[in-house]
Protein backbone atom coordinates (compact mmCIF):
# COMPACT_ATOMS: atom_id res chain seq x y z
CA UNK A 1 115.54 104.33 108.85
CA UNK A 2 117.24 107.68 109.41
CA UNK A 3 116.45 110.30 106.73
CA UNK A 4 118.19 113.25 108.37
CA UNK A 5 120.62 114.09 111.15
CA UNK A 6 120.74 116.82 113.80
CA UNK A 7 124.07 118.60 114.33
CA UNK A 8 124.53 119.87 117.87
CA UNK A 9 127.36 122.18 116.79
CA UNK A 10 130.54 123.05 118.65
CA UNK A 11 130.51 121.71 122.23
CA UNK A 12 130.57 124.08 125.21
CA UNK A 13 129.94 127.31 123.26
CA UNK A 14 126.62 128.42 124.78
CA UNK A 15 126.47 132.22 124.87
CA UNK A 16 129.27 132.65 122.31
CA UNK A 17 127.28 131.85 119.16
CA UNK A 18 127.22 135.42 117.82
CA UNK A 19 130.93 136.01 118.39
CA UNK A 20 131.81 132.66 116.79
CA UNK A 21 129.46 133.34 113.87
CA UNK A 22 131.17 136.59 112.88
CA UNK A 23 134.63 135.14 113.55
CA UNK A 24 134.07 132.11 111.31
CA UNK A 25 132.30 134.25 108.69
CA UNK A 26 135.35 136.52 108.50
CA UNK A 27 137.68 133.52 108.15
CA UNK A 28 135.47 131.99 105.47
CA UNK A 29 135.26 135.17 103.39
CA UNK A 30 139.02 135.70 103.71
CA UNK A 31 139.64 132.10 102.59
CA UNK A 32 137.45 132.56 99.51
CA UNK A 33 138.94 135.95 98.64
CA UNK A 34 142.57 134.96 99.26
CA UNK A 35 142.45 131.76 97.24
CA UNK A 36 140.47 133.35 94.41
CA UNK A 37 143.04 136.15 94.22
CA UNK A 38 145.93 133.68 93.97
CA UNK A 39 144.07 131.65 91.33
CA UNK A 40 143.29 134.80 89.32
CA UNK A 41 146.83 136.18 89.67
CA UNK A 42 148.40 132.99 88.33
CA UNK A 43 145.97 132.81 85.40
CA UNK A 44 146.47 136.48 84.51
CA UNK A 45 150.29 136.52 84.61
CA UNK A 46 152.05 134.45 81.94
CA UNK A 47 155.28 134.54 83.97
CA UNK A 48 153.55 132.33 86.55
CA UNK A 49 152.56 129.66 84.04
CA UNK A 50 155.07 127.21 85.49
CA UNK A 51 154.65 123.82 87.22
CA UNK A 52 155.03 125.32 90.69
CA UNK A 53 152.17 127.77 90.18
CA UNK A 54 150.07 125.20 88.36
CA UNK A 55 150.09 123.12 91.53
CA UNK A 56 149.49 126.26 93.61
CA UNK A 57 146.29 126.87 91.61
CA UNK A 58 145.19 123.32 92.40
CA UNK A 59 145.87 124.03 96.08
CA UNK A 60 143.78 127.21 95.94
CA UNK A 61 140.84 125.27 94.48
CA UNK A 62 141.17 122.61 97.20
CA UNK A 63 141.27 125.22 99.96
CA UNK A 64 138.12 126.88 98.64
CA UNK A 65 136.41 123.48 98.63
CA UNK A 66 137.66 122.46 102.08
CA UNK A 67 136.52 125.69 103.69
CA UNK A 68 133.09 125.34 102.01
CA UNK A 69 132.35 121.79 103.19
CA UNK A 70 131.35 122.54 106.76
CA UNK A 71 131.63 126.30 107.30
CA UNK A 72 128.30 127.37 105.69
CA UNK A 73 126.36 124.80 107.73
CA UNK A 74 128.32 125.71 110.86
CA UNK A 75 127.38 129.37 110.32
CA UNK A 76 123.71 128.38 109.92
CA UNK A 77 123.85 126.43 113.20
CA UNK A 78 125.44 129.36 115.04
CA UNK A 79 123.17 132.07 113.63
CA UNK A 80 119.73 130.51 113.20
CA UNK A 81 120.04 127.25 115.13
CA UNK A 82 119.37 125.41 111.84
CA UNK A 83 120.74 122.07 113.03
CA UNK A 84 119.01 119.63 110.66
CA UNK A 85 121.05 118.20 107.79
CA UNK A 86 119.57 115.76 105.29
CA UNK A 87 120.99 112.31 104.68
CA UNK A 88 122.20 113.46 101.27
CA UNK A 89 123.87 116.51 102.81
CA UNK A 90 125.60 114.31 105.35
CA UNK A 91 126.81 111.96 102.60
CA UNK A 92 128.15 114.97 100.67
CA UNK A 93 130.03 116.28 103.71
CA UNK A 94 131.72 112.94 104.39
CA UNK A 95 132.61 112.39 100.72
CA UNK A 96 133.98 115.85 99.94
CA UNK A 97 135.77 116.15 103.27
CA UNK A 98 137.81 113.02 102.57
CA UNK A 99 138.05 113.66 98.82
CA UNK A 100 139.48 117.17 99.16
CA UNK A 101 141.53 116.34 102.24
CA UNK A 102 143.16 113.37 100.53
CA UNK A 103 143.76 115.41 97.36
CA UNK A 104 145.48 118.14 99.38
CA UNK A 105 147.66 115.56 101.14
CA UNK A 106 148.77 114.09 97.81
CA UNK A 107 149.22 117.53 96.27
CA UNK A 108 151.65 118.59 98.99
CA UNK A 109 153.68 115.49 98.15
CA UNK A 110 153.68 116.36 94.44
CA UNK A 111 154.71 119.94 95.24
CA UNK A 112 157.61 118.64 97.34
CA UNK A 113 158.78 116.54 94.38
CA UNK A 114 158.51 119.62 92.16
CA UNK A 115 160.75 121.58 94.55
CA UNK A 116 163.22 118.68 94.67
CA UNK A 117 163.54 118.62 90.88
CA UNK A 118 163.82 122.44 90.68
CA UNK A 119 166.67 122.61 93.20
CA UNK A 120 168.54 119.35 92.64
CA UNK A 121 168.15 119.22 88.82
CA UNK A 122 167.73 122.86 87.75
CA UNK A 123 169.05 122.39 84.22
CA UNK A 124 166.63 119.54 83.53
CA UNK A 125 163.72 120.98 85.48
CA UNK A 126 161.49 121.96 82.55
CA UNK A 127 162.40 118.75 80.73
CA UNK A 128 161.38 116.59 83.71
CA UNK A 129 158.44 118.67 84.94
CA UNK A 130 156.85 119.06 81.53
CA UNK A 131 153.17 119.89 81.19
CA UNK A 132 152.25 116.31 80.37
CA UNK A 133 153.76 115.05 83.64
CA UNK A 134 152.18 117.91 85.61
CA UNK A 135 148.75 117.10 84.18
CA UNK A 136 149.23 113.39 84.93
CA UNK A 137 150.31 114.11 88.53
CA UNK A 138 147.34 116.42 89.09
CA UNK A 139 144.91 113.95 87.52
CA UNK A 140 146.34 111.08 89.59
CA UNK A 141 145.89 113.18 92.73
CA UNK A 142 142.22 113.88 92.01
CA UNK A 143 141.38 110.35 90.82
CA UNK A 144 143.12 108.59 93.73
CA UNK A 145 141.36 110.88 96.18
CA UNK A 146 137.96 110.21 94.63
CA UNK A 147 138.50 106.45 94.97
CA UNK A 148 139.57 106.90 98.60
CA UNK A 149 136.55 109.08 99.43
CA UNK A 150 134.11 106.82 97.58
CA UNK A 151 135.35 103.78 99.51
CA UNK A 152 135.01 105.42 102.92
CA UNK A 153 131.65 107.03 102.12
CA UNK A 154 130.21 103.76 100.82
CA UNK A 155 131.33 101.87 103.91
CA UNK A 156 129.91 104.57 106.17
CA UNK A 157 126.45 104.84 104.65
CA UNK A 158 125.85 101.16 103.99
CA UNK A 159 125.70 100.78 107.77
CA UNK A 160 122.19 100.82 109.28
CA UNK A 161 121.35 103.90 111.36
CA UNK A 162 118.26 102.87 113.27
CA UNK A 163 118.62 104.52 116.66
CA UNK A 164 119.52 108.14 117.36
CA UNK A 165 120.07 110.67 114.57
CA UNK A 166 121.74 113.29 116.79
CA UNK A 167 125.39 114.04 115.98
CA UNK A 168 127.20 115.71 118.86
CA UNK A 169 129.47 117.61 116.49
CA UNK A 170 129.46 120.45 113.95
CA UNK A 171 129.78 118.30 110.80
CA UNK A 172 129.19 114.75 109.57
CA UNK A 173 132.42 112.80 109.92
CA UNK A 174 133.12 109.10 110.05
CA UNK A 175 134.13 108.93 113.71
CA UNK A 176 130.90 110.66 114.77
CA UNK A 177 128.76 108.58 112.39
CA UNK A 178 129.97 105.19 113.63
CA UNK A 179 128.68 105.98 117.13
CA UNK A 180 125.13 105.97 115.73
CA UNK A 181 125.41 102.79 113.65
CA UNK A 182 123.43 99.70 114.63
CA UNK A 183 125.98 97.21 113.27
CA UNK A 184 129.61 96.20 113.66
CA UNK A 185 131.83 99.11 112.57
CA UNK A 186 135.18 97.36 112.91
CA UNK A 187 135.77 97.14 109.14
CA UNK A 188 134.96 100.81 108.60
CA UNK A 189 137.17 101.99 111.46
CA UNK A 190 140.07 99.78 110.31
CA UNK A 191 139.84 100.94 106.69
CA UNK A 192 139.56 104.59 107.76
CA UNK A 193 142.58 104.47 110.03
CA UNK A 194 144.58 102.50 107.47
CA UNK A 195 143.75 104.67 104.46
CA UNK A 196 143.84 108.02 106.21
CA UNK A 197 146.52 107.38 108.81
CA UNK A 198 148.99 105.39 106.72
CA UNK A 199 148.28 107.51 103.65
CA UNK A 200 149.11 110.71 105.52
CA UNK A 201 152.23 109.19 107.08
CA UNK A 202 153.41 107.93 103.67
CA UNK A 203 152.95 111.35 102.10
CA UNK A 204 154.74 113.00 105.02
CA UNK A 205 157.69 110.63 104.71
CA UNK A 206 157.95 111.29 100.96
CA UNK A 207 157.95 115.04 101.62
CA UNK A 208 160.58 114.57 104.31
CA UNK A 209 162.72 112.48 101.94
CA UNK A 210 162.46 115.18 99.26
CA UNK A 211 163.72 117.83 101.64
CA UNK A 212 166.53 115.60 102.90
CA UNK A 213 167.69 115.26 99.29
CA UNK A 214 167.39 119.02 98.83
CA UNK A 215 169.51 119.74 101.92
CA UNK A 216 172.12 117.19 100.85
CA UNK A 217 172.31 118.80 97.41
CA UNK A 218 172.71 122.27 98.93
CA UNK A 219 175.45 121.07 101.27
CA UNK A 220 177.43 119.87 98.25
CA UNK A 221 177.19 123.23 96.46
CA UNK A 222 178.03 125.30 99.56
CA UNK A 223 176.59 128.39 97.85
CA UNK A 224 174.87 131.14 99.86
CA UNK A 225 172.83 132.12 96.79
CA UNK A 226 171.60 128.54 96.37
CA UNK A 227 170.54 128.43 100.03
CA UNK A 228 168.64 131.72 99.68
CA UNK A 229 166.89 130.54 96.52
CA UNK A 230 165.94 127.24 98.13
CA UNK A 231 164.64 128.98 101.24
CA UNK A 232 162.50 131.36 99.19
CA UNK A 233 160.86 128.54 97.22
CA UNK A 234 160.60 125.89 99.94
CA UNK A 235 159.67 127.86 103.07
CA UNK A 236 156.09 128.50 101.93
CA UNK A 237 155.52 124.86 101.02
CA UNK A 238 156.97 123.64 104.31
CA UNK A 239 154.76 126.03 106.27
CA UNK A 240 151.46 125.09 104.60
CA UNK A 241 152.31 121.37 104.65
CA UNK A 242 152.96 121.59 108.39
CA UNK A 243 149.62 123.36 108.90
CA UNK A 244 147.90 120.52 107.05
CA UNK A 245 149.64 117.44 108.44
CA UNK A 246 149.61 118.59 112.08
CA UNK A 247 145.81 118.55 112.54
CA UNK A 248 145.47 115.51 110.27
CA UNK A 249 147.82 113.41 112.42
CA UNK A 250 146.11 114.45 115.64
CA UNK A 251 142.56 113.70 114.45
CA UNK A 252 143.06 110.48 112.48
CA UNK A 253 145.99 108.78 114.18
CA UNK A 254 144.76 109.53 117.71
CA UNK A 255 141.02 108.70 117.62
CA UNK A 256 140.97 108.33 121.40
CA UNK A 257 141.47 112.08 121.84
CA UNK A 258 138.64 113.76 123.70
CA UNK A 259 136.03 115.76 121.82
CA UNK A 260 137.26 118.96 123.50
CA UNK A 261 140.68 118.49 121.85
CA UNK A 262 139.55 117.16 118.46
CA UNK A 263 137.04 119.96 117.81
CA UNK A 264 139.46 122.94 117.86
CA UNK A 265 142.02 120.94 115.88
CA UNK A 266 139.47 120.15 113.17
CA UNK A 267 138.12 123.71 113.13
CA UNK A 268 141.68 124.93 112.62
CA UNK A 269 142.12 122.59 109.63
CA UNK A 270 138.73 123.41 108.07
CA UNK A 271 138.36 127.12 108.80
CA UNK A 272 141.72 128.70 109.68
CA UNK A 273 144.25 126.86 107.48
CA UNK A 274 142.55 127.80 104.14
CA UNK A 275 143.07 131.46 105.15
CA UNK A 276 146.70 131.02 106.15
CA UNK A 277 147.77 129.20 102.97
CA UNK A 278 147.24 132.13 100.53
CA UNK A 279 148.63 134.55 103.14
CA UNK A 280 151.83 132.50 103.47
CA UNK A 281 152.33 132.20 99.71
CA UNK A 282 151.62 135.90 99.20
CA UNK A 283 153.88 137.17 101.97
CA UNK A 284 156.78 134.86 101.12
CA UNK A 285 156.65 135.04 97.33
CA UNK A 286 157.76 138.15 95.43
CA UNK A 287 156.42 136.86 92.11
CA UNK A 288 152.90 136.34 93.50
CA UNK A 289 152.95 139.78 95.17
CA UNK A 290 154.04 141.39 91.89
CA UNK A 291 151.30 139.56 90.01
CA UNK A 292 148.68 140.67 92.54
CA UNK A 293 149.81 144.29 92.14
CA UNK A 294 149.56 143.88 88.38
CA UNK A 295 146.09 142.34 88.77
CA UNK A 296 145.02 145.23 90.99
CA UNK A 297 146.18 147.66 88.33
CA UNK A 298 143.87 146.00 85.79
CA UNK A 299 140.82 146.77 87.95
CA UNK A 300 139.64 150.32 87.14
CA UNK A 301 139.29 152.65 90.09
CA UNK A 302 135.80 153.97 90.79
């Protein structure tokens, strides 16, 4: 029985390990710093204690988690050639990757609904998006994602792994694990594609429907001010949702893609996107920028 796995790392990168190490380290530190700053800014500024920023705090926590699933081990592989990962570590990677990824997918859908209510029903916004509903939506996101991740992880690691323990990849993921299994993996592959693929498509369609309703509502008002307000609040969400769903669709709805194409797409989703999300919300949002300036003023100069 397999007790550990060996990660071969990123394919076709011989001779570039040092450059990649410092590049990914910079992205990882920026992801941690950027998301922690947004989380701290929202907590410190009472003006940002609204449903929109409550969900943004959840997104910051998810981005910190997503960037921490595989990046530390990837850095260890690049720097010290520490390729061995225990069975428990591999289980943790698979579980948290799908748990946090699913939670982020659902959270983008919830955030789209929040923007729909804010723009299409502004007078009833606080009545509809009360704190009880926000807490229920956030809790449902986390609980549903944990069930999804538990199902996939259980199916993955109840399979027997009795041959090779070498994973030709930089993290433990389902589509790399099934290649090492010594049993029929049809059920696992079907459930994974159904849950992940159809789940992502469903969330994307709900987000699309929300924005169709928003555009229809704005067309009825024919107000330039309403269009500007909608653009300022929706552009950031649209940008980060696109950054998330693009790689997700490519990896999990097109499993026949070659390893050379899947690897950069997944690295973008795991390493680069968590850096871009706080940058997009900071650059596009005056309230967040003002709160960050206020937060900086609270830190005494040395």
